[in-house]
């Protein structure tokens, strides 16, 4: 029944196209913050740095949603 939805999600609940976009955003933000983020394992990264990256990702996603709701393109 739900298999034919246009934005079908995976078992993890994530839209497959969004996974790569979020990953790209993560690396872009880490670069902007001057944080060296490696492909693959980053478990040796301090939690403060990981938190900065995640926090800025949330901030940017909220800004994008607000722009989309207002009809503004920037």
N, C-alpha and C. Protein backbone atom coordinates (compact mmCIF):
# COMPACT_ATOMS: atom_id res chain seq x y z
N UNK A 1 0.82 -1.19 0.00
CA UNK A 1 0.00 0.00 0.00
C UNK A 1 0.87 1.25 0.00
N UNK A 2 1.87 1.32 0.88
CA UNK A 2 2.70 2.51 0.99
C UNK A 2 3.95 2.45 0.11
N UNK A 3 4.16 1.36 -0.59
CA UNK A 3 5.37 1.22 -1.39
C UNK A 3 5.40 2.15 -2.59
N UNK A 4 4.28 2.64 -3.03
CA UNK A 4 4.23 3.48 -4.22
C UNK A 4 4.28 4.97 -3.91
N UNK A 5 4.53 5.34 -2.67
CA UNK A 5 4.62 6.76 -2.34
C UNK A 5 5.85 7.35 -3.00
N UNK A 6 5.73 8.60 -3.43
CA UNK A 6 6.82 9.25 -4.14
C UNK A 6 8.05 9.42 -3.25
N UNK A 7 7.87 9.81 -2.01
CA UNK A 7 8.98 10.00 -1.09
C UNK A 7 9.04 8.85 -0.10
N UNK A 8 9.14 7.64 -0.59
CA UNK A 8 9.18 6.47 0.28
C UNK A 8 10.42 6.53 1.16
N UNK A 9 10.27 6.04 2.37
CA UNK A 9 11.39 6.05 3.31
C UNK A 9 11.98 4.66 3.41
N UNK A 10 13.21 4.60 3.92
CA UNK A 10 13.88 3.33 4.15
C UNK A 10 13.49 2.81 5.52
N UNK A 11 14.04 1.66 5.90
CA UNK A 11 13.75 1.10 7.22
C UNK A 11 14.15 2.06 8.33
N UNK A 12 15.19 2.85 8.09
CA UNK A 12 15.65 3.78 9.12
C UNK A 12 14.76 5.01 9.21
N UNK A 13 13.79 5.14 8.30
CA UNK A 13 12.88 6.27 8.34
C UNK A 13 13.36 7.46 7.55
N UNK A 14 14.46 7.33 6.82
CA UNK A 14 15.03 8.44 6.10
C UNK A 14 14.76 8.31 4.60
N UNK A 15 14.42 9.42 3.97
CA UNK A 15 14.24 9.44 2.52
C UNK A 15 15.63 9.26 1.90
N UNK A 16 15.82 8.29 1.02
CA UNK A 16 17.16 8.00 0.49
C UNK A 16 17.87 9.21 -0.11
N UNK A 17 17.15 10.07 -0.81
CA UNK A 17 17.77 11.24 -1.43
C UNK A 17 18.25 12.23 -0.37
N UNK A 18 17.58 12.26 0.76
CA UNK A 18 17.95 13.19 1.82
C UNK A 18 19.22 12.77 2.53
N UNK A 19 19.50 11.50 2.58
CA UNK A 19 20.67 11.01 3.29
C UNK A 19 21.95 11.62 2.72
N UNK A 20 22.10 11.60 1.41
CA UNK A 20 23.30 12.16 0.79
C UNK A 20 23.34 13.67 0.93
N UNK A 21 22.20 14.33 0.82
CA UNK A 21 22.15 15.79 0.98
C UNK A 21 22.57 16.20 2.39
N UNK A 22 22.11 15.47 3.41
CA UNK A 22 22.49 15.77 4.78
C UNK A 22 23.97 15.49 5.03
N UNK A 23 24.47 14.43 4.42
CA UNK A 23 25.89 14.11 4.55
C UNK A 23 26.74 15.22 3.92
N UNK A 24 26.32 15.70 2.74
CA UNK A 24 27.04 16.81 2.10
C UNK A 24 27.00 18.05 2.97
N UNK A 25 25.83 18.33 3.56
CA UNK A 25 25.69 19.50 4.43
C UNK A 25 26.62 19.37 5.63
N UNK A 26 26.71 18.18 6.19
CA UNK A 26 27.56 17.95 7.36
C UNK A 26 29.01 18.30 7.04
N UNK A 27 29.52 17.84 5.90
CA UNK A 27 30.90 18.13 5.52
C UNK A 27 31.10 19.60 5.18
N UNK A 28 30.12 20.21 4.55
CA UNK A 28 30.20 21.63 4.22
C UNK A 28 30.27 22.48 5.49
N UNK A 29 29.42 22.18 6.46
CA UNK A 29 29.41 22.94 7.71
C UNK A 29 30.69 22.69 8.50
N UNK A 30 31.17 21.46 8.55
CA UNK A 30 32.42 21.16 9.25
C UNK A 30 33.56 21.97 8.64
N UNK A 31 33.58 22.05 7.32
CA UNK A 31 34.61 22.82 6.63
C UNK A 31 34.50 24.31 6.99
N UNK A 32 33.28 24.84 7.00
CA UNK A 32 33.07 26.25 7.35
C UNK A 32 33.50 26.54 8.78
N UNK A 33 33.33 25.58 9.68
CA UNK A 33 33.70 25.75 11.08
C UNK A 33 35.18 25.45 11.34
N UNK A 34 35.88 24.99 10.31
CA UNK A 34 37.29 24.65 10.47
C UNK A 34 37.52 23.36 11.22
N UNK A 35 36.55 22.46 11.17
CA UNK A 35 36.65 21.17 11.85
C UNK A 35 37.02 20.12 10.81
N UNK A 36 38.06 19.35 11.10
CA UNK A 36 38.52 18.31 10.18
C UNK A 36 37.64 17.07 10.35
N UNK A 37 36.72 16.87 9.43
CA UNK A 37 35.81 15.72 9.46
C UNK A 37 36.26 14.75 8.38
N UNK A 38 36.50 13.51 8.78
CA UNK A 38 36.99 12.50 7.85
C UNK A 38 35.81 11.68 7.30
N UNK A 39 36.00 11.09 6.14
CA UNK A 39 35.04 10.11 5.64
C UNK A 39 35.14 8.89 6.53
N UNK A 40 34.02 8.33 6.91
CA UNK A 40 34.03 7.14 7.74
C UNK A 40 34.01 7.46 9.22
N UNK A 41 34.86 6.78 9.97
CA UNK A 41 34.85 6.85 11.43
C UNK A 41 35.36 8.19 11.95
N UNK A 42 34.59 8.83 12.83
CA UNK A 42 35.00 10.08 13.47
C UNK A 42 34.79 10.00 14.98
N UNK A 43 34.87 8.79 15.53
CA UNK A 43 34.62 8.58 16.95
C UNK A 43 35.64 9.21 17.86
N UNK A 44 36.77 9.60 17.30
CA UNK A 44 37.80 10.25 18.11
C UNK A 44 37.61 11.77 18.17
N UNK A 45 36.57 12.28 17.53
CA UNK A 45 36.28 13.71 17.53
C UNK A 45 35.65 14.11 18.87
N UNK A 46 36.09 15.22 19.44
CA UNK A 46 35.46 15.67 20.69
C UNK A 46 33.97 15.94 20.50
N UNK A 47 33.19 15.63 21.52
CA UNK A 47 31.74 15.81 21.41
C UNK A 47 31.36 17.26 21.18
N UNK A 48 32.18 18.20 21.65
CA UNK A 48 31.90 19.62 21.44
C UNK A 48 31.90 19.94 19.94
N UNK A 49 32.88 19.41 19.21
CA UNK A 49 32.95 19.66 17.77
C UNK A 49 31.79 19.00 17.05
N UNK A 50 31.47 17.77 17.41
CA UNK A 50 30.33 17.08 16.79
C UNK A 50 29.04 17.84 17.07
N UNK A 51 28.92 18.38 18.27
CA UNK A 51 27.74 19.16 18.63
C UNK A 51 27.62 20.44 17.83
N UNK A 52 28.77 21.10 17.59
CA UNK A 52 28.75 22.30 16.76
C UNK A 52 28.23 21.99 15.37
N UNK A 53 28.73 20.90 14.79
CA UNK A 53 28.30 20.53 13.44
C UNK A 53 26.80 20.24 13.42
N UNK A 54 26.33 19.42 14.34
CA UNK A 54 24.91 19.08 14.40
C UNK A 54 24.04 20.30 14.66
N UNK A 55 24.49 21.17 15.56
CA UNK A 55 23.73 22.38 15.87
C UNK A 55 23.58 23.30 14.68
N UNK A 56 24.67 23.48 13.94
CA UNK A 56 24.60 24.33 12.75
C UNK A 56 23.76 23.68 11.65
N UNK A 57 23.78 22.35 11.58
CA UNK A 57 22.92 21.68 10.60
C UNK A 57 21.45 21.96 10.92
N UNK A 58 21.07 21.84 12.18
CA UNK A 58 19.68 22.12 12.59
C UNK A 58 19.33 23.57 12.29
N UNK A 59 20.22 24.48 12.64
CA UNK A 59 19.98 25.90 12.39
C UNK A 59 19.74 26.16 10.89
N UNK A 60 20.58 25.58 10.05
CA UNK A 60 20.44 25.79 8.61
C UNK A 60 19.15 25.16 8.07
N UNK A 61 18.80 23.97 8.57
CA UNK A 61 17.55 23.32 8.12
C UNK A 61 16.33 24.13 8.53
N UNK A 62 16.35 24.71 9.72
CA UNK A 62 15.24 25.55 10.15
C UNK A 62 15.14 26.79 9.27
N UNK A 63 16.28 27.41 8.97
CA UNK A 63 16.28 28.58 8.09
C UNK A 63 15.71 28.24 6.72
N UNK A 64 16.09 27.09 6.18
CA UNK A 64 15.58 26.66 4.87
C UNK A 64 14.07 26.42 4.93
N UNK A 65 13.59 25.81 6.00
CA UNK A 65 12.15 25.56 6.15
C UNK A 65 11.39 26.87 6.27
N UNK A 66 11.93 27.82 7.03
CA UNK A 66 11.27 29.12 7.17
C UNK A 66 11.19 29.84 5.83
N UNK A 67 12.27 29.79 5.06
CA UNK A 67 12.25 30.41 3.73
C UNK A 67 11.23 29.74 2.82
N UNK A 68 11.17 28.41 2.89
CA UNK A 68 10.22 27.67 2.05
C UNK A 68 8.78 28.02 2.42
N UNK A 69 8.51 28.17 3.72
CA UNK A 69 7.15 28.50 4.16
C UNK A 69 6.77 29.91 3.81
N UNK A 70 7.73 30.81 3.78
CA UNK A 70 7.44 32.21 3.46
C UNK A 70 7.39 32.45 1.97
N UNK A 71 7.87 31.47 1.19
CA UNK A 71 7.89 31.61 -0.25
C UNK A 71 9.10 32.37 -0.76
N UNK A 72 10.04 32.68 0.13
CA UNK A 72 11.24 33.41 -0.23
C UNK A 72 12.28 32.45 -0.81
N UNK A 73 12.99 32.91 -1.80
CA UNK A 73 14.07 32.12 -2.40
C UNK A 73 15.39 32.82 -2.15
N UNK A 74 16.30 32.17 -1.43
CA UNK A 74 17.62 32.77 -1.19
C UNK A 74 18.65 31.70 -1.06
